[in-house]
C-alpha atoms as a PDB file:
ATOM      1  CA  MET A   1     -11.830  -5.296 -13.669  1.00  0.00           C
ATOM      2  CA  THR A   2      -8.218  -6.149 -13.065  1.00  0.00           C
ATOM      3  CA  ASP A   3      -5.744  -7.447 -15.623  1.00  0.00           C
ATOM      4  CA  PRO A   4      -3.764 -10.213 -13.843  1.00  0.00           C
ATOM      5  CA  VAL A   5       0.048 -10.202 -14.165  1.00  0.00           C
ATOM      6  CA  SER A   6       2.010 -13.355 -13.981  1.00  0.00           C
ATOM      7  CA  ARG A   7       5.224 -11.918 -12.244  1.00  0.00           C
ATOM      8  CA  PRO A   8       5.698  -9.711  -9.112  1.00  0.00           C
ATOM      9  CA  GLY A   9       6.765  -6.193  -9.871  1.00  0.00           C
ATOM     10  CA  ALA A  10       4.752  -5.898 -13.036  1.00  0.00           C
ATOM     11  CA  ARG A  11       2.133  -3.352 -13.721  1.00  0.00           C
ATOM     12  CA  TRP A  12      -1.364  -4.173 -12.353  1.00  0.00           C
ATOM     13  CA  ARG A  13      -4.219  -2.498 -14.302  1.00  0.00           C
ATOM     14  CA  THR A  14      -7.779  -1.664 -13.349  1.00  0.00           C
ATOM     15  CA  ASP A  15     -10.371   0.268 -15.344  1.00  0.00           C
ATOM     16  CA  LEU A  16      -9.048   3.646 -13.868  1.00  0.00           C
ATOM     17  CA  LEU A  17      -5.487   3.058 -12.997  1.00  0.00           C
ATOM     18  CA  ALA A  18      -2.048   1.359 -13.574  1.00  0.00           C
ATOM     19  CA  LEU A  19      -0.193   0.364 -10.431  1.00  0.00           C
ATOM     20  CA  VAL A  20       3.319   0.944 -11.545  1.00  0.00           C
ATOM     21  CA  PRO A  21       6.121  -0.400  -9.561  1.00  0.00           C
ATOM     22  CA  LEU A  22       7.876   2.342  -7.674  1.00  0.00           C
ATOM     23  CA  ARG A  23      11.059   3.742  -9.260  1.00  0.00           C
ATOM     24  CA  VAL A  24      13.308   6.439  -7.850  1.00  0.00           C
ATOM     25  CA  GLU A  25      12.638   8.591 -10.959  1.00  0.00           C
ATOM     26  CA  HIS A  26       9.030   9.066  -9.745  1.00  0.00           C
ATOM     27  CA  ALA A  27      10.380  11.144  -6.943  1.00  0.00           C
ATOM     28  CA  GLU A  28       9.991  14.495  -8.872  1.00  0.00           C
ATOM     29  CA  GLU A  29       6.332  14.055 -10.018  1.00  0.00           C
ATOM     30  CA  MET A  30       5.278  12.467  -6.733  1.00  0.00           C
ATOM     31  CA  ALA A  31       6.800  15.369  -4.786  1.00  0.00           C
ATOM     32  CA  GLU A  32       4.242  17.612  -6.528  1.00  0.00           C
ATOM     33  CA  VAL A  33       1.311  15.154  -6.275  1.00  0.00           C
ATOM     34  CA  LEU A  34       1.878  14.961  -2.465  1.00  0.00           C
ATOM     35  CA  SER A  35       2.834  18.434  -1.791  1.00  0.00           C
ATOM     36  CA  ASP A  36      -0.466  19.455  -0.058  1.00  0.00           C
ATOM     37  CA  PRO A  37       0.200  19.682   3.833  1.00  0.00           C
ATOM     38  CA  ALA A  38      -3.419  18.718   4.379  1.00  0.00           C
ATOM     39  CA  LEU A  39      -2.489  15.102   3.277  1.00  0.00           C
ATOM     40  CA  HIS A  40      -0.617  14.863   6.501  1.00  0.00           C
ATOM     41  CA  THR A  41      -3.495  15.668   8.816  1.00  0.00           C
ATOM     42  CA  PHE A  42      -3.977  12.227   9.972  1.00  0.00           C
ATOM     43  CA  MET A  43      -0.618  10.634   9.221  1.00  0.00           C
ATOM     44  CA  GLY A  44       1.511  13.433  10.635  1.00  0.00           C
ATOM     45  CA  GLY A  45       4.681  14.957   9.238  1.00  0.00           C
ATOM     46  CA  GLU A  46       4.916  17.250   6.331  1.00  0.00           C
ATOM     47  CA  PRO A  47       5.309  16.979   2.518  1.00  0.00           C
ATOM     48  CA  SER A  48       8.707  15.917   1.283  1.00  0.00           C
ATOM     49  CA  ASP A  49      10.577  17.674  -1.416  1.00  0.00           C
ATOM     50  CA  ALA A  50      11.861  15.889  -4.542  1.00  0.00           C
ATOM     51  CA  LYS A  51      15.277  15.407  -3.106  1.00  0.00           C
ATOM     52  CA  ALA A  52      13.926  13.909   0.162  1.00  0.00           C
ATOM     53  CA  LEU A  53      11.386  11.710  -1.718  1.00  0.00           C
ATOM     54  CA  ARG A  54      14.230  10.617  -3.971  1.00  0.00           C
ATOM     55  CA  ARG A  55      16.297   9.370  -0.852  1.00  0.00           C
ATOM     56  CA  ARG A  56      13.229   7.524   0.617  1.00  0.00           C
ATOM     57  CA  TYR A  57      12.481   5.904  -2.732  1.00  0.00           C
ATOM     58  CA  GLU A  58      16.016   4.762  -3.039  1.00  0.00           C
ATOM     59  CA  ARG A  59      15.626   2.975   0.346  1.00  0.00           C
ATOM     60  CA  LEU A  60      12.247   1.447  -0.681  1.00  0.00           C
ATOM     61  CA  VAL A  61      13.267   0.275  -4.086  1.00  0.00           C
ATOM     62  CA  ALA A  62      16.371  -1.421  -2.457  1.00  0.00           C
ATOM     63  CA  GLY A  63      14.003  -3.605  -0.415  1.00  0.00           C
ATOM     64  CA  SER A  64      13.823  -4.783   3.015  1.00  0.00           C
ATOM     65  CA  PRO A  65      16.975  -6.025   4.794  1.00  0.00           C
ATOM     66  CA  ASP A  66      14.928  -8.652   6.537  1.00  0.00           C
ATOM     67  CA  PRO A  67      14.423 -11.742   4.212  1.00  0.00           C
ATOM     68  CA  ALA A  68      10.945 -12.418   5.930  1.00  0.00           C
ATOM     69  CA  VAL A  69       9.776  -9.019   4.943  1.00  0.00           C
ATOM     70  CA  THR A  70       9.084  -7.745   1.339  1.00  0.00           C
ATOM     71  CA  TRP A  71       8.309  -4.081   0.719  1.00  0.00           C
ATOM     72  CA  CYS A  72       5.885  -3.537  -2.140  1.00  0.00           C
ATOM     73  CA  ASN A  73       5.446  -0.048  -3.536  1.00  0.00           C
ATOM     74  CA  TRP A  74       3.492   1.186  -6.544  1.00  0.00           C
ATOM     75  CA  VAL A  75       2.692   4.709  -7.813  1.00  0.00           C
ATOM     76  CA  LEU A  76      -0.928   5.159  -9.248  1.00  0.00           C
ATOM     77  CA  GLU A  77      -1.045   6.207 -12.834  1.00  0.00           C
ATOM     78  CA  TRP A  78      -4.362   7.661 -14.121  1.00  0.00           C
ATOM     79  CA  ARG A  79      -4.786   5.523 -17.258  1.00  0.00           C
ATOM     80  CA  ALA A  80      -6.666   8.349 -19.097  1.00  0.00           C
ATOM     81  CA  THR A  81      -3.738  10.890 -19.002  1.00  0.00           C
ATOM     82  CA  GLY A  82      -0.813   8.880 -17.654  1.00  0.00           C
ATOM     83  CA  GLU A  83      -0.428  11.271 -14.648  1.00  0.00           C
ATOM     84  CA  LEU A  84       0.639   9.915 -11.368  1.00  0.00           C
ATOM     85  CA  THR A  85      -2.064  10.379  -8.560  1.00  0.00           C
ATOM     86  CA  GLY A  86      -0.786   8.752  -5.542  1.00  0.00           C
ATOM     87  CA  THR A  87       0.691   5.503  -4.029  1.00  0.00           C
ATOM     88  CA  VAL A  88      -0.174   2.217  -2.478  1.00  0.00           C
ATOM     89  CA  GLN A  89       2.275   0.117  -0.430  1.00  0.00           C
ATOM     90  CA  ALA A  90       2.306  -3.162   1.279  1.00  0.00           C
ATOM     91  CA  THR A  91       4.792  -4.747   3.793  1.00  0.00           C
ATOM     92  CA  VAL A  92       4.418  -8.552   3.334  1.00  0.00           C
ATOM     93  CA  THR A  93       5.609 -10.567   6.196  1.00  0.00           C
ATOM     94  CA  THR A  94       6.278 -14.237   6.081  1.00  0.00           C
ATOM     95  CA  VAL A  95       6.957 -15.716   9.497  1.00  0.00           C
ATOM     96  CA  THR A  96       7.868 -19.273  10.513  1.00  0.00           C
ATOM     97  CA  SER A  97       6.637 -20.691  13.644  1.00  0.00           C
ATOM     98  CA  THR A  98       8.326 -23.343  15.713  1.00  0.00           C
ATOM     99  CA  THR A  99       6.290 -26.466  16.106  1.00  0.00           C
ATOM    100  CA  THR A 100       6.503 -28.861  19.049  1.00  0.00           C
ATOM    101  CA  THR A 101       9.902 -30.132  17.795  1.00  0.00           C
ATOM    102  CA  PRO A 102      12.526 -27.399  18.265  1.00  0.00           C
ATOM    103  CA  THR A 103      14.145 -28.068  14.988  1.00  0.00           C
ATOM    104  CA  ALA A 104      11.041 -28.182  12.811  1.00  0.00           C
ATOM    105  CA  THR A 105       9.443 -25.036  11.525  1.00  0.00           C
ATOM    106  CA  SER A 106       6.285 -24.585   9.536  1.00  0.00           C
ATOM    107  CA  PRO A 107       5.591 -21.543   7.222  1.00  0.00           C
ATOM    108  CA  ARG A 108       2.836 -19.281   7.920  1.00  0.00           C
ATOM    109  CA  THR A 109       0.613 -17.497   5.554  1.00  0.00           C
ATOM    110  CA  PRO A 110       1.985 -14.144   4.413  1.00  0.00           C
ATOM    111  CA  THR A 111       0.292 -11.234   6.027  1.00  0.00           C
ATOM    112  CA  ALA A 112       0.354  -7.730   4.468  1.00  0.00           C
ATOM    113  CA  GLU A 113       0.051  -4.313   6.079  1.00  0.00           C
ATOM    114  CA  ILE A 114      -1.150  -1.764   3.490  1.00  0.00           C
ATOM    115  CA  ALA A 115      -1.475   1.928   3.069  1.00  0.00           C
ATOM    116  CA  TRP A 116      -2.550   4.344   0.397  1.00  0.00           C
ATOM    117  CA  VAL A 117      -2.366   8.052  -0.327  1.00  0.00           C
ATOM    118  CA  VAL A 118      -3.844   9.913  -3.132  1.00  0.00           C
ATOM    119  CA  GLY A 119      -2.981  13.508  -3.846  1.00  0.00           C
ATOM    120  CA  THR A 120      -5.553  16.200  -3.028  1.00  0.00           C
ATOM    121  CA  ALA A 121      -6.228  17.276  -6.685  1.00  0.00           C
ATOM    122  CA  TRP A 122      -7.129  13.585  -7.381  1.00  0.00           C
ATOM    123  CA  GLN A 123      -9.405  12.908  -4.541  1.00  0.00           C
ATOM    124  CA  GLY A 124     -13.152  12.153  -4.934  1.00  0.00           C
ATOM    125  CA  ARG A 125     -12.793  10.155  -8.100  1.00  0.00           C
ATOM    126  CA  GLY A 126     -12.749   6.651  -6.568  1.00  0.00           C
ATOM    127  CA  ILE A 127      -8.990   6.316  -7.091  1.00  0.00           C
ATOM    128  CA  ALA A 128      -8.039   5.196  -3.641  1.00  0.00           C
ATOM    129  CA  LYS A 129     -10.917   2.650  -3.470  1.00  0.00           C
ATOM    130  CA  ASP A 130      -9.954   1.282  -6.872  1.00  0.00           C
ATOM    131  CA  ALA A 131      -6.217   1.113  -5.880  1.00  0.00           C
ATOM    132  CA  ALA A 132      -6.882  -0.470  -2.501  1.00  0.00           C
ATOM    133  CA  ARG A 133      -9.149  -3.179  -4.032  1.00  0.00           C
ATOM    134  CA  ALA A 134      -6.592  -3.852  -6.730  1.00  0.00           C
ATOM    135  CA  LEU A 135      -3.785  -3.952  -4.185  1.00  0.00           C
ATOM    136  CA  VAL A 136      -5.563  -6.541  -2.070  1.00  0.00           C
ATOM    137  CA  GLU A 137      -6.252  -8.721  -5.097  1.00  0.00           C
ATOM    138  CA  LEU A 138      -2.544  -8.329  -6.288  1.00  0.00           C
ATOM    139  CA  LEU A 139      -1.277  -9.281  -2.921  1.00  0.00           C
ATOM    140  CA  ARG A 140      -3.524 -12.477  -2.789  1.00  0.00           C
ATOM    141  CA  GLU A 141      -2.609 -13.513  -6.228  1.00  0.00           C
ATOM    142  CA  GLN A 142       1.189 -12.696  -6.403  1.00  0.00           C
ATOM    143  CA  TYR A 143       2.123 -13.219  -2.763  1.00  0.00           C
ATOM    144  CA  GLY A 144      -0.478 -15.640  -1.310  1.00  0.00           C
ATOM    145  CA  VAL A 145      -1.640 -13.009   1.207  1.00  0.00           C
ATOM    146  CA  THR A 146      -4.798 -13.962   2.944  1.00  0.00           C
ATOM    147  CA  VAL A 147      -4.601 -11.562   5.949  1.00  0.00           C
ATOM    148  CA  VAL A 148      -4.525  -7.858   5.130  1.00  0.00           C
ATOM    149  CA  VAL A 149      -4.283  -5.172   7.814  1.00  0.00           C
ATOM    150  CA  ALA A 150      -4.389  -1.377   7.560  1.00  0.00           C
ATOM    151  CA  HIS A 151      -4.546   1.275  10.258  1.00  0.00           C
ATOM    152  CA  VAL A 152      -6.933   4.088   9.905  1.00  0.00           C
ATOM    153  CA  HIS A 153      -7.340   7.216  12.190  1.00  0.00           C
ATOM    154  CA  PRO A 154     -10.768   6.896  13.585  1.00  0.00           C
ATOM    155  CA  GLU A 155     -11.719  10.520  12.304  1.00  0.00           C
ATOM    156  CA  HIS A 156     -10.530   9.798   8.805  1.00  0.00           C
ATOM    157  CA  HIS A 157     -13.819   8.791   7.347  1.00  0.00           C
ATOM    158  CA  ALA A 158     -12.603   8.824   3.784  1.00  0.00           C
ATOM    159  CA  SER A 159      -9.880   6.301   4.498  1.00  0.00           C
ATOM    160  CA  ALA A 160     -12.224   4.090   6.537  1.00  0.00           C
ATOM    161  CA  ALA A 161     -14.450   4.062   3.322  1.00  0.00           C
ATOM    162  CA  VAL A 162     -11.347   2.923   1.388  1.00  0.00           C
ATOM    163  CA  ALA A 163     -10.565   0.193   3.910  1.00  0.00           C
ATOM    164  CA  ALA A 164     -14.139  -1.069   3.658  1.00  0.00           C
ATOM    165  CA  ALA A 165     -14.171  -0.983  -0.112  1.00  0.00           C
ATOM    166  CA  ALA A 166     -11.034  -3.230  -0.029  1.00  0.00           C
ATOM    167  CA  GLY A 167     -12.828  -5.751   2.144  1.00  0.00           C
ATOM    168  CA  LEU A 168     -11.273  -4.882   5.394  1.00  0.00           C
ATOM    169  CA  GLU A 169     -13.295  -4.564   8.577  1.00  0.00           C
ATOM    170  CA  PRO A 170     -12.741  -2.617  11.693  1.00  0.00           C
ATOM    171  CA  THR A 171     -11.590  -4.311  14.761  1.00  0.00           C
ATOM    172  CA  ASP A 172     -11.462  -3.217  18.352  1.00  0.00           C
ATOM    173  CA  ARG A 173      -7.673  -2.963  18.363  1.00  0.00           C
ATOM    174  CA  MET A 174      -5.822   0.339  18.241  1.00  0.00           C
ATOM    175  CA  HIS A 175      -2.251   1.156  17.361  1.00  0.00           C
ATOM    176  CA  ASP A 176      -0.665   4.530  17.726  1.00  0.00           C
ATOM    177  CA  GLY A 177      -4.156   6.194  17.836  1.00  0.00           C
ATOM    178  CA  GLU A 178      -5.362   4.392  14.686  1.00  0.00           C
ATOM    179  CA  ARG A 179      -8.090   1.573  14.489  1.00  0.00           C
ATOM    180  CA  ARG A 180      -6.831  -1.649  12.966  1.00  0.00           C
ATOM    181  CA  TRP A 181      -8.828  -2.894  10.054  1.00  0.00           C
ATOM    182  CA  GLN A 182      -8.445  -6.478   8.821  1.00  0.00           C
ATOM    183  CA  ARG A 183      -9.382  -8.832   6.167  1.00  0.00           C
ATOM    184  CA  GLY A 184      -8.805 -12.646   6.766  1.00  0.00           C
END
């Protein structure tokens, strides 16, 4: 069950987790949580040290330079202990489309592209599924998002299970070797 919040950027709670808005100060603990190279098997790259993660978090916390794009980032806090276990993120895009009159525009429903990662030591406890379901609900309630997209490597069965738990369904579309999953 999720405790609704009334304003963007507030904590979002489930029975297992608190989704805590990302802060630069999370970098040190998250560098340890995300330090296993196996986490990069499907997404590529390698683990970042605390200094590199701090620089990345500074950019993320500053927000998107595009006014039509909102970057939403949370760390996952295990409620039983207060330890950080992973992250969820969404890029929410609101696009206006030109109607038949060149000067008129009409707003489009915000769309979110989401992603998640849970540290190796925390996997197998339902954290990613719980977090992804909460993220989809949060995006719907706080940002009016009805279309949610995730890209999952076809061989990453655990991530496919997370996408399905969040209500997304696989499509026939591929992007950079990953299958597009979508809700809405």
